[in-house]
Amino acid sequence: SHGVTDLLRLLNTNFDSPMVYWALGMLFKELWQLESASVWFEQILKLPHVSDAMKAKAYIELSDCYIWRGSNLRKAIEFTKIAMELGDKNTPDAIRVLAHAYLRDGQVRQAMIYLDQFDTHDDPETRYLKGLLHYRNGATKKANEVWKPLLTLRTESMRFYSIKQEILRYYFDKEPYLKAN
């Protein structure tokens, strides 16, 4: 929170930079304040003369915020595709975000195409998504095999805490979130 205050003070001195907006977006995202983070990533996209690389990063992060908030899923898919065209073509973050967006939007086959590009043990979020893919396809035992090791890992970020909460919700509610949308 001190970093956010310092960066906001910097903005008040009329220092208008995409890097300051990026830092604010990432700080709010780390605090899992996704709506606030989205605002700062959108600000980057409104600035003239922003590099394609910075725009691609902002589109990816903005899409990720939309997905986790459960809003603008179609927009998240399109923004991720734009980011991939701008230069983040095959980065793991872009592919994972696109797979997550397709999964949340109910396009399971598309999500599977992108998730198959990952090794399951590399990233907890990818493991969560692969488990969710199994869960959505009715293979709850396979989903449990993927998810149970995740529940024993130490929680070091709000993002991972949210992933664990989602997994526990599936265990107790026994219903994928796609029925709620």
C-alpha atoms as a PDB file:
ATOM      1  CA  SER A   1       0.000   0.000   0.000  1.00  0.00           C
ATOM      2  CA  HIS A   2       2.979   2.328   0.558  1.00  0.00           C
ATOM      3  CA  GLY A   3       4.120   1.694  -3.005  1.00  0.00           C
ATOM      4  CA  VAL A   4       0.678   2.607  -4.339  1.00  0.00           C
ATOM      5  CA  THR A   5       0.715   5.847  -2.338  1.00  0.00           C
ATOM      6  CA  ASP A   6       4.191   6.763  -3.626  1.00  0.00           C
ATOM      7  CA  LEU A   7       3.233   6.067  -7.232  1.00  0.00           C
ATOM      8  CA  LEU A   8       0.029   8.089  -6.921  1.00  0.00           C
ATOM      9  CA  ARG A   9       2.078  10.959  -5.499  1.00  0.00           C
ATOM     10  CA  LEU A  10       4.353  10.670  -8.534  1.00  0.00           C
ATOM     11  CA  LEU A  11       1.332  10.884 -10.840  1.00  0.00           C
ATOM     12  CA  ASN A  12       0.169  14.021  -9.046  1.00  0.00           C
ATOM     13  CA  THR A  13       3.408  15.721 -10.136  1.00  0.00           C
ATOM     14  CA  ASN A  14       2.173  15.338 -13.745  1.00  0.00           C
ATOM     15  CA  PHE A  15       4.535  12.493 -14.479  1.00  0.00           C
ATOM     16  CA  ASP A  16       2.529  10.662 -17.111  1.00  0.00           C
ATOM     17  CA  SER A  17       4.228   7.401 -17.958  1.00  0.00           C
ATOM     18  CA  PRO A  18       3.006   3.978 -19.025  1.00  0.00           C
ATOM     19  CA  MET A  19       5.548   2.452 -16.621  1.00  0.00           C
ATOM     20  CA  VAL A  20       3.911   4.205 -13.644  1.00  0.00           C
ATOM     21  CA  TYR A  21       0.496   2.988 -14.805  1.00  0.00           C
ATOM     22  CA  TRP A  22       1.950  -0.502 -15.268  1.00  0.00           C
ATOM     23  CA  ALA A  23       3.400  -0.485 -11.743  1.00  0.00           C
ATOM     24  CA  LEU A  24       0.096   0.703 -10.251  1.00  0.00           C
ATOM     25  CA  GLY A  25      -1.827  -1.945 -12.191  1.00  0.00           C
ATOM     26  CA  MET A  26       0.498  -4.691 -11.054  1.00  0.00           C
ATOM     27  CA  LEU A  27       0.430  -3.519  -7.422  1.00  0.00           C
ATOM     28  CA  PHE A  28      -3.366  -3.493  -7.385  1.00  0.00           C
ATOM     29  CA  LYS A  29      -3.402  -6.875  -9.108  1.00  0.00           C
ATOM     30  CA  GLU A  30      -1.067  -8.307  -6.467  1.00  0.00           C
ATOM     31  CA  LEU A  31      -3.506  -7.044  -3.836  1.00  0.00           C
ATOM     32  CA  TRP A  32      -6.220  -8.803  -5.886  1.00  0.00           C
ATOM     33  CA  GLN A  33      -8.055  -5.520  -6.433  1.00  0.00           C
ATOM     34  CA  LEU A  34      -8.758  -6.446 -10.027  1.00  0.00           C
ATOM     35  CA  GLU A  35     -11.166  -3.652 -10.858  1.00  0.00           C
ATOM     36  CA  SER A  36      -8.638  -1.018  -9.807  1.00  0.00           C
ATOM     37  CA  ALA A  37      -5.881  -2.847 -11.651  1.00  0.00           C
ATOM     38  CA  SER A  38      -8.012  -2.880 -14.807  1.00  0.00           C
ATOM     39  CA  VAL A  39      -8.339   0.899 -14.687  1.00  0.00           C
ATOM     40  CA  TRP A  40      -4.556   1.360 -14.736  1.00  0.00           C
ATOM     41  CA  PHE A  41      -4.008  -1.135 -17.547  1.00  0.00           C
ATOM     42  CA  GLU A  42      -6.702   0.652 -19.560  1.00  0.00           C
ATOM     43  CA  GLN A  43      -4.867   3.938 -18.980  1.00  0.00           C
ATOM     44  CA  ILE A  44      -1.774   2.514 -20.664  1.00  0.00           C
ATOM     45  CA  LEU A  45      -3.815   1.692 -23.752  1.00  0.00           C
ATOM     46  CA  LYS A  46      -5.167   5.247 -23.912  1.00  0.00           C
ATOM     47  CA  LEU A  47      -1.744   6.870 -24.005  1.00  0.00           C
ATOM     48  CA  PRO A  48      -0.297   7.838 -27.383  1.00  0.00           C
ATOM     49  CA  HIS A  49       3.161   6.610 -28.349  1.00  0.00           C
ATOM     50  CA  VAL A  50       3.155   3.464 -26.221  1.00  0.00           C
ATOM     51  CA  SER A  51       5.336   0.675 -27.581  1.00  0.00           C
ATOM     52  CA  ASP A  52       3.702  -2.435 -28.984  1.00  0.00           C
ATOM     53  CA  ALA A  53       5.447  -4.536 -26.327  1.00  0.00           C
ATOM     54  CA  MET A  54       3.943  -2.429 -23.527  1.00  0.00           C
ATOM     55  CA  LYS A  55       0.510  -2.517 -25.172  1.00  0.00           C
ATOM     56  CA  ALA A  56       0.739  -6.312 -25.458  1.00  0.00           C
ATOM     57  CA  LYS A  57       1.565  -6.619 -21.751  1.00  0.00           C
ATOM     58  CA  ALA A  58      -1.285  -4.284 -20.820  1.00  0.00           C
ATOM     59  CA  TYR A  59      -3.751  -6.231 -22.967  1.00  0.00           C
ATOM     60  CA  ILE A  60      -2.681  -9.532 -21.360  1.00  0.00           C
ATOM     61  CA  GLU A  61      -2.980  -8.193 -17.819  1.00  0.00           C
ATOM     62  CA  LEU A  62      -6.279  -6.468 -18.565  1.00  0.00           C
ATOM     63  CA  SER A  63      -7.649  -9.696 -20.043  1.00  0.00           C
ATOM     64  CA  ASP A  64      -6.510 -11.633 -16.997  1.00  0.00           C
ATOM     65  CA  CYS A  65      -8.310  -9.164 -14.717  1.00  0.00           C
ATOM     66  CA  TYR A  66     -11.496  -9.476 -16.764  1.00  0.00           C
ATOM     67  CA  ILE A  67     -11.362 -13.271 -16.614  1.00  0.00           C
ATOM     68  CA  TRP A  68     -10.848 -13.470 -12.855  1.00  0.00           C
ATOM     69  CA  ARG A  69     -13.604 -10.914 -12.311  1.00  0.00           C
ATOM     70  CA  GLY A  70     -15.884 -12.958 -14.555  1.00  0.00           C
ATOM     71  CA  SER A  71     -16.743 -10.021 -16.788  1.00  0.00           C
ATOM     72  CA  ASN A  72     -16.124  -9.148 -20.426  1.00  0.00           C
ATOM     73  CA  LEU A  73     -14.991 -12.655 -21.367  1.00  0.00           C
ATOM     74  CA  ARG A  74     -15.376 -12.044 -25.103  1.00  0.00           C
ATOM     75  CA  LYS A  75     -13.406  -8.834 -24.756  1.00  0.00           C
ATOM     76  CA  ALA A  76     -10.717 -10.730 -22.829  1.00  0.00           C
ATOM     77  CA  ILE A  77     -10.400 -13.222 -25.679  1.00  0.00           C
ATOM     78  CA  GLU A  78     -10.100 -10.442 -28.262  1.00  0.00           C
ATOM     79  CA  PHE A  79      -7.626  -8.442 -26.168  1.00  0.00           C
ATOM     80  CA  THR A  80      -5.446 -11.513 -25.711  1.00  0.00           C
ATOM     81  CA  LYS A  81      -5.480 -12.157 -29.453  1.00  0.00           C
ATOM     82  CA  ILE A  82      -4.482  -8.527 -30.056  1.00  0.00           C
ATOM     83  CA  ALA A  83      -1.626  -8.906 -27.568  1.00  0.00           C
ATOM     84  CA  MET A  84      -0.456 -12.034 -29.329  1.00  0.00           C
ATOM     85  CA  GLU A  85      -0.447 -10.161 -32.646  1.00  0.00           C
ATOM     86  CA  LEU A  86       1.535  -7.307 -31.081  1.00  0.00           C
ATOM     87  CA  GLY A  87       4.349  -9.596 -30.054  1.00  0.00           C
ATOM     88  CA  ASP A  88       3.377 -11.877 -27.161  1.00  0.00           C
ATOM     89  CA  LYS A  89       2.578 -14.650 -29.659  1.00  0.00           C
ATOM     90  CA  ASN A  90       3.732 -17.732 -27.790  1.00  0.00           C
ATOM     91  CA  THR A  91       4.482 -16.541 -24.289  1.00  0.00           C
ATOM     92  CA  PRO A  92       3.162 -18.816 -21.541  1.00  0.00           C
ATOM     93  CA  ASP A  93       1.194 -15.944 -19.978  1.00  0.00           C
ATOM     94  CA  ALA A  94      -0.642 -15.124 -23.197  1.00  0.00           C
ATOM     95  CA  ILE A  95      -1.454 -18.762 -23.918  1.00  0.00           C
ATOM     96  CA  ARG A  96      -2.612 -19.426 -20.356  1.00  0.00           C
ATOM     97  CA  VAL A  97      -4.804 -16.308 -20.295  1.00  0.00           C
ATOM     98  CA  LEU A  98      -6.359 -17.227 -23.644  1.00  0.00           C
ATOM     99  CA  ALA A  99      -7.018 -20.791 -22.468  1.00  0.00           C
ATOM    100  CA  HIS A 100      -8.596 -19.502 -19.256  1.00  0.00           C
ATOM    101  CA  ALA A 101     -10.787 -17.073 -21.197  1.00  0.00           C
ATOM    102  CA  TYR A 102     -11.998 -19.811 -23.529  1.00  0.00           C
ATOM    103  CA  LEU A 103     -12.681 -22.109 -20.584  1.00  0.00           C
ATOM    104  CA  ARG A 104     -14.645 -19.434 -18.715  1.00  0.00           C
ATOM    105  CA  ASP A 105     -16.564 -18.649 -21.905  1.00  0.00           C
ATOM    106  CA  GLY A 106     -17.576 -22.299 -22.317  1.00  0.00           C
ATOM    107  CA  GLN A 107     -15.358 -22.993 -25.339  1.00  0.00           C
ATOM    108  CA  VAL A 108     -13.797 -26.097 -23.830  1.00  0.00           C
ATOM    109  CA  ARG A 109     -12.226 -27.469 -27.013  1.00  0.00           C
ATOM    110  CA  GLN A 110     -10.446 -24.201 -27.713  1.00  0.00           C
ATOM    111  CA  ALA A 111      -9.191 -24.083 -24.131  1.00  0.00           C
ATOM    112  CA  MET A 112      -7.917 -27.647 -24.428  1.00  0.00           C
ATOM    113  CA  ILE A 113      -5.873 -26.769 -27.524  1.00  0.00           C
ATOM    114  CA  TYR A 114      -3.996 -24.077 -25.612  1.00  0.00           C
ATOM    115  CA  LEU A 115      -3.673 -25.960 -22.314  1.00  0.00           C
ATOM    116  CA  ASP A 116      -2.151 -28.965 -24.087  1.00  0.00           C
ATOM    117  CA  GLN A 117       0.877 -26.774 -24.839  1.00  0.00           C
ATOM    118  CA  PHE A 118       1.837 -26.707 -21.149  1.00  0.00           C
ATOM    119  CA  ASP A 119       3.538 -29.139 -18.831  1.00  0.00           C
ATOM    120  CA  THR A 120       1.152 -29.526 -15.894  1.00  0.00           C
ATOM    121  CA  HIS A 121       3.763 -29.220 -13.130  1.00  0.00           C
ATOM    122  CA  ASP A 122       5.260 -25.890 -14.191  1.00  0.00           C
ATOM    123  CA  ASP A 123       2.645 -23.444 -12.976  1.00  0.00           C
ATOM    124  CA  PRO A 124      -0.055 -23.760 -10.287  1.00  0.00           C
ATOM    125  CA  GLU A 125      -2.541 -21.754 -12.328  1.00  0.00           C
ATOM    126  CA  THR A 126      -2.070 -23.995 -15.362  1.00  0.00           C
ATOM    127  CA  ARG A 127      -2.555 -27.032 -13.133  1.00  0.00           C
ATOM    128  CA  TYR A 128      -5.753 -25.473 -11.804  1.00  0.00           C
ATOM    129  CA  LEU A 129      -6.996 -24.850 -15.350  1.00  0.00           C
ATOM    130  CA  LYS A 130      -6.158 -28.389 -16.466  1.00  0.00           C
ATOM    131  CA  GLY A 131      -8.034 -29.739 -13.468  1.00  0.00           C
ATOM    132  CA  LEU A 132     -10.957 -27.481 -14.292  1.00  0.00           C
ATOM    133  CA  LEU A 133     -10.907 -28.773 -17.853  1.00  0.00           C
ATOM    134  CA  HIS A 134     -11.161 -32.344 -16.548  1.00  0.00           C
ATOM    135  CA  TYR A 135     -13.905 -31.264 -14.157  1.00  0.00           C
ATOM    136  CA  ARG A 136     -15.885 -29.605 -16.953  1.00  0.00           C
ATOM    137  CA  ASN A 137     -15.586 -32.784 -19.045  1.00  0.00           C
ATOM    138  CA  GLY A 138     -17.015 -34.884 -16.203  1.00  0.00           C
ATOM    139  CA  ALA A 139     -13.724 -36.472 -15.132  1.00  0.00           C
ATOM    140  CA  THR A 140     -13.929 -35.424 -11.477  1.00  0.00           C
ATOM    141  CA  LYS A 141     -11.463 -38.082 -10.308  1.00  0.00           C
ATOM    142  CA  LYS A 142      -8.858 -36.837 -12.766  1.00  0.00           C
ATOM    143  CA  ALA A 143      -9.545 -33.248 -11.675  1.00  0.00           C
ATOM    144  CA  ASN A 144      -9.015 -34.302  -8.051  1.00  0.00           C
ATOM    145  CA  GLU A 145      -5.679 -35.888  -8.961  1.00  0.00           C
ATOM    146  CA  VAL A 146      -4.569 -32.596 -10.469  1.00  0.00           C
ATOM    147  CA  TRP A 147      -6.008 -30.354  -7.748  1.00  0.00           C
ATOM    148  CA  LYS A 148      -5.150 -32.166  -4.501  1.00  0.00           C
ATOM    149  CA  PRO A 149      -1.397 -31.428  -4.688  1.00  0.00           C
ATOM    150  CA  LEU A 150      -2.234 -27.747  -5.235  1.00  0.00           C
ATOM    151  CA  LEU A 151      -4.113 -27.590  -1.960  1.00  0.00           C
ATOM    152  CA  THR A 152      -0.975 -28.618  -0.061  1.00  0.00           C
ATOM    153  CA  LEU A 153       1.236 -25.905  -1.571  1.00  0.00           C
ATOM    154  CA  ARG A 154       2.037 -22.841   0.467  1.00  0.00           C
ATOM    155  CA  THR A 155      -0.068 -19.805  -0.414  1.00  0.00           C
ATOM    156  CA  GLU A 156       2.188 -16.838  -1.136  1.00  0.00           C
ATOM    157  CA  SER A 157      -0.048 -14.573  -3.206  1.00  0.00           C
ATOM    158  CA  MET A 158      -3.651 -13.480  -3.376  1.00  0.00           C
ATOM    159  CA  ARG A 159      -3.850 -15.029  -6.839  1.00  0.00           C
ATOM    160  CA  PHE A 160      -2.920 -18.475  -5.572  1.00  0.00           C
ATOM    161  CA  TYR A 161      -5.195 -18.015  -2.563  1.00  0.00           C
ATOM    162  CA  SER A 162      -8.070 -17.325  -5.004  1.00  0.00           C
ATOM    163  CA  ILE A 163      -7.181 -20.432  -6.990  1.00  0.00           C
ATOM    164  CA  LYS A 164      -7.331 -22.532  -3.837  1.00  0.00           C
ATOM    165  CA  GLN A 165     -10.675 -20.987  -2.934  1.00  0.00           C
ATOM    166  CA  GLU A 166     -12.034 -21.869  -6.390  1.00  0.00           C
ATOM    167  CA  ILE A 167     -10.866 -25.470  -6.023  1.00  0.00           C
ATOM    168  CA  LEU A 168     -12.483 -25.787  -2.600  1.00  0.00           C
ATOM    169  CA  ARG A 169     -15.680 -24.298  -3.975  1.00  0.00           C
ATOM    170  CA  TYR A 170     -15.806 -27.055  -6.594  1.00  0.00           C
ATOM    171  CA  TYR A 171     -15.305 -29.681  -3.913  1.00  0.00           C
ATOM    172  CA  PHE A 172     -18.181 -28.337  -1.838  1.00  0.00           C
ATOM    173  CA  ASP A 173     -20.570 -27.022  -4.505  1.00  0.00           C
ATOM    174  CA  LYS A 174     -19.853 -29.825  -6.993  1.00  0.00           C
ATOM    175  CA  GLU A 175     -20.735 -27.490  -9.839  1.00  0.00           C
ATOM    176  CA  PRO A 176     -18.479 -25.733 -12.362  1.00  0.00           C
ATOM    177  CA  TYR A 177     -18.732 -21.956 -12.468  1.00  0.00           C
ATOM    178  CA  LEU A 178     -19.926 -22.038 -16.070  1.00  0.00           C
ATOM    179  CA  LYS A 179     -23.438 -22.888 -14.834  1.00  0.00           C
ATOM    180  CA  ALA A 180     -23.523 -19.601 -12.946  1.00  0.00           C
ATOM    181  CA  ASN A 181     -22.720 -17.507 -16.044  1.00  0.00           C
END
